[in-house]
Amino acid sequence: MGGFYVSEKFNLQDRFLNSLRVSKTEVKVYLVNGFQTKGIIRSFDSYTILLENGNQQNLIYKHAISTIMPAS
């Protein structure tokens, strides 16, 4: 069968977020309630993302996020 095996070493979400964090790419974050915000990912863990915009930092719970994409 041509299935796709996901191991614990391969976590697409973590790799995507870490790539954006390391490159300091500005991102748009869309929340499930329709709100959107922009910023640079400073840190993340299993449950949250720390987003910085200027001198303001927001801790956003991942379960509240619908989409993350580069702002450009």
N, C-alpha and C. Protein backbone atom coordinates (compact mmCIF):
# COMPACT_ATOMS: atom_id res chain seq x y z
N MET A 1 0.83 -1.19 0.00
CA MET A 1 0.00 0.00 0.00
C MET A 1 0.87 1.25 0.00
N GLY A 2 0.41 2.30 -0.61
CA GLY A 2 1.15 3.55 -0.71
C GLY A 2 0.80 4.52 0.39
N GLY A 3 0.80 4.06 1.63
CA GLY A 3 0.44 4.92 2.76
C GLY A 3 1.57 5.84 3.16
N PHE A 4 1.29 6.68 4.10
CA PHE A 4 2.27 7.64 4.61
C PHE A 4 2.50 7.35 6.08
N TYR A 5 3.74 7.06 6.44
CA TYR A 5 4.08 6.73 7.82
C TYR A 5 4.58 7.98 8.53
N VAL A 6 3.98 8.27 9.67
CA VAL A 6 4.40 9.43 10.46
C VAL A 6 5.07 8.91 11.72
N SER A 7 6.33 9.23 11.88
CA SER A 7 7.05 8.83 13.08
C SER A 7 7.10 10.00 14.06
N GLU A 8 7.51 9.71 15.28
CA GLU A 8 7.61 10.76 16.28
C GLU A 8 8.70 11.76 15.92
N LYS A 9 9.69 11.35 15.15
CA LYS A 9 10.78 12.25 14.77
C LYS A 9 10.34 13.26 13.72
N PHE A 10 9.28 12.96 13.00
CA PHE A 10 8.80 13.85 11.95
C PHE A 10 7.50 14.48 12.41
N ASN A 11 7.55 15.76 12.75
CA ASN A 11 6.36 16.48 13.16
C ASN A 11 6.26 17.70 12.26
N LEU A 12 5.36 17.64 11.31
CA LEU A 12 5.22 18.70 10.31
C LEU A 12 4.94 20.05 10.96
N GLN A 13 4.06 20.07 11.95
CA GLN A 13 3.72 21.32 12.62
C GLN A 13 4.95 21.95 13.26
N ASP A 14 5.71 21.18 14.01
CA ASP A 14 6.90 21.72 14.68
C ASP A 14 7.94 22.19 13.67
N ARG A 15 8.12 21.44 12.60
CA ARG A 15 9.10 21.83 11.59
C ARG A 15 8.69 23.13 10.90
N PHE A 16 7.41 23.27 10.60
CA PHE A 16 6.90 24.48 9.96
C PHE A 16 7.06 25.68 10.88
N LEU A 17 6.62 25.55 12.13
CA LEU A 17 6.72 26.66 13.09
C LEU A 17 8.18 27.02 13.36
N ASN A 18 9.03 26.03 13.50
CA ASN A 18 10.44 26.31 13.78
C ASN A 18 11.11 27.00 12.60
N SER A 19 10.76 26.61 11.38
CA SER A 19 11.30 27.27 10.20
C SER A 19 10.91 28.75 10.17
N LEU A 20 9.66 29.05 10.49
CA LEU A 20 9.20 30.44 10.54
C LEU A 20 9.88 31.20 11.67
N ARG A 21 10.09 30.53 12.80
CA ARG A 21 10.74 31.17 13.96
C ARG A 21 12.20 31.50 13.65
N VAL A 22 12.93 30.54 13.13
CA VAL A 22 14.36 30.72 12.85
C VAL A 22 14.59 31.79 11.79
N SER A 23 13.75 31.81 10.77
CA SER A 23 13.92 32.79 9.69
C SER A 23 13.33 34.16 10.05
N LYS A 24 12.67 34.24 11.21
CA LYS A 24 12.03 35.48 11.68
C LYS A 24 11.06 36.04 10.64
N THR A 25 10.37 35.14 9.98
CA THR A 25 9.36 35.51 8.99
C THR A 25 8.12 36.05 9.68
N GLU A 26 7.64 37.21 9.22
CA GLU A 26 6.39 37.73 9.77
C GLU A 26 5.25 36.84 9.28
N VAL A 27 4.36 36.48 10.20
CA VAL A 27 3.25 35.59 9.87
C VAL A 27 1.91 36.26 10.17
N LYS A 28 0.89 35.79 9.47
CA LYS A 28 -0.49 36.13 9.80
C LYS A 28 -1.07 34.92 10.51
N VAL A 29 -1.74 35.17 11.62
CA VAL A 29 -2.38 34.10 12.38
C VAL A 29 -3.88 34.38 12.38
N TYR A 30 -4.64 33.45 11.85
CA TYR A 30 -6.10 33.56 11.82
C TYR A 30 -6.65 32.67 12.93
N LEU A 31 -7.51 33.24 13.75
CA LEU A 31 -8.11 32.48 14.84
C LEU A 31 -9.49 31.96 14.44
N VAL A 32 -9.97 30.97 15.17
CA VAL A 32 -11.25 30.35 14.83
C VAL A 32 -12.42 31.32 15.02
N ASN A 33 -12.24 32.37 15.81
CA ASN A 33 -13.31 33.35 16.01
C ASN A 33 -13.31 34.44 14.94
N GLY A 34 -12.42 34.33 13.93
CA GLY A 34 -12.36 35.30 12.85
C GLY A 34 -11.33 36.39 13.04
N PHE A 35 -10.80 36.54 14.25
CA PHE A 35 -9.78 37.55 14.52
C PHE A 35 -8.49 37.16 13.81
N GLN A 36 -7.73 38.15 13.36
CA GLN A 36 -6.41 37.86 12.80
C GLN A 36 -5.38 38.82 13.38
N THR A 37 -4.16 38.34 13.48
CA THR A 37 -3.07 39.13 14.00
C THR A 37 -1.81 38.81 13.22
N LYS A 38 -0.82 39.68 13.31
CA LYS A 38 0.46 39.50 12.63
C LYS A 38 1.57 39.54 13.65
N GLY A 39 2.69 38.95 13.31
CA GLY A 39 3.85 39.03 14.17
C GLY A 39 4.91 38.02 13.79
N ILE A 40 5.92 37.95 14.63
CA ILE A 40 7.02 37.01 14.46
C ILE A 40 6.93 35.97 15.56
N ILE A 41 7.06 34.71 15.20
CA ILE A 41 7.01 33.64 16.19
C ILE A 41 8.30 33.65 16.98
N ARG A 42 8.20 33.88 18.26
CA ARG A 42 9.37 33.89 19.14
C ARG A 42 9.61 32.53 19.78
N SER A 43 8.52 31.81 20.06
CA SER A 43 8.65 30.52 20.70
C SER A 43 7.33 29.76 20.53
N PHE A 44 7.38 28.45 20.76
CA PHE A 44 6.16 27.65 20.73
C PHE A 44 6.40 26.36 21.50
N ASP A 45 5.30 25.76 21.95
CA ASP A 45 5.37 24.46 22.59
C ASP A 45 4.18 23.64 22.10
N SER A 46 3.83 22.60 22.80
CA SER A 46 2.74 21.73 22.36
C SER A 46 1.39 22.43 22.33
N TYR A 47 1.22 23.46 23.16
CA TYR A 47 -0.10 24.07 23.32
C TYR A 47 -0.19 25.53 22.90
N THR A 48 0.93 26.24 22.83
CA THR A 48 0.89 27.68 22.62
C THR A 48 1.94 28.15 21.62
N ILE A 49 1.71 29.37 21.11
CA ILE A 49 2.68 30.06 20.26
C ILE A 49 2.85 31.46 20.84
N LEU A 50 4.09 31.89 21.02
CA LEU A 50 4.39 33.24 21.47
C LEU A 50 4.67 34.09 20.24
N LEU A 51 3.78 35.05 19.99
CA LEU A 51 3.86 35.90 18.81
C LEU A 51 4.22 37.31 19.24
N GLU A 52 5.22 37.90 18.58
CA GLU A 52 5.68 39.26 18.92
C GLU A 52 5.40 40.20 17.76
N ASN A 53 4.79 41.34 18.10
CA ASN A 53 4.52 42.38 17.11
C ASN A 53 4.97 43.70 17.72
N GLY A 54 6.10 44.22 17.22
CA GLY A 54 6.67 45.43 17.83
C GLY A 54 7.14 45.12 19.23
N ASN A 55 6.63 45.87 20.20
CA ASN A 55 7.03 45.63 21.59
C ASN A 55 5.96 44.85 22.35
N GLN A 56 4.98 44.30 21.64
CA GLN A 56 3.89 43.55 22.26
C GLN A 56 4.05 42.06 21.99
N GLN A 57 3.85 41.24 23.02
CA GLN A 57 3.88 39.80 22.87
C GLN A 57 2.52 39.22 23.22
N ASN A 58 2.07 38.26 22.42
CA ASN A 58 0.80 37.58 22.67
C ASN A 58 1.05 36.09 22.74
N LEU A 59 0.52 35.46 23.77
CA LEU A 59 0.57 34.01 23.90
C LEU A 59 -0.76 33.47 23.39
N ILE A 60 -0.71 32.73 22.29
CA ILE A 60 -1.91 32.24 21.63
C ILE A 60 -1.99 30.73 21.78
N TYR A 61 -3.14 30.26 22.24
CA TYR A 61 -3.34 28.81 22.35
C TYR A 61 -3.58 28.22 20.96
N LYS A 62 -2.89 27.13 20.66
CA LYS A 62 -2.99 26.53 19.33
C LYS A 62 -4.42 26.10 19.00
N HIS A 63 -5.19 25.68 20.00
CA HIS A 63 -6.55 25.22 19.69
C HIS A 63 -7.44 26.37 19.21
N ALA A 64 -6.99 27.62 19.40
CA ALA A 64 -7.75 28.79 18.94
C ALA A 64 -7.35 29.22 17.53
N ILE A 65 -6.33 28.57 16.95
CA ILE A 65 -5.80 28.97 15.64
C ILE A 65 -6.42 28.12 14.54
N SER A 66 -6.82 28.79 13.45
CA SER A 66 -7.28 28.04 12.28
C SER A 66 -6.20 27.98 11.21
N THR A 67 -5.43 29.08 11.02
CA THR A 67 -4.44 29.13 9.95
C THR A 67 -3.25 29.99 10.35
N ILE A 68 -2.05 29.55 9.95
CA ILE A 68 -0.83 30.35 10.08
C ILE A 68 -0.19 30.38 8.70
N MET A 69 0.15 31.59 8.25
CA MET A 69 0.79 31.70 6.94
C MET A 69 1.76 32.88 6.93
N PRO A 70 2.79 32.82 6.08
CA PRO A 70 3.68 33.98 5.96
C PRO A 70 2.88 35.21 5.56
N ALA A 71 3.24 36.36 6.11
CA ALA A 71 2.48 37.60 5.88
C ALA A 71 2.71 38.19 4.50
N SER A 72 3.79 37.82 3.84
CA SER A 72 4.11 38.42 2.53
C SER A 72 3.21 37.94 1.42
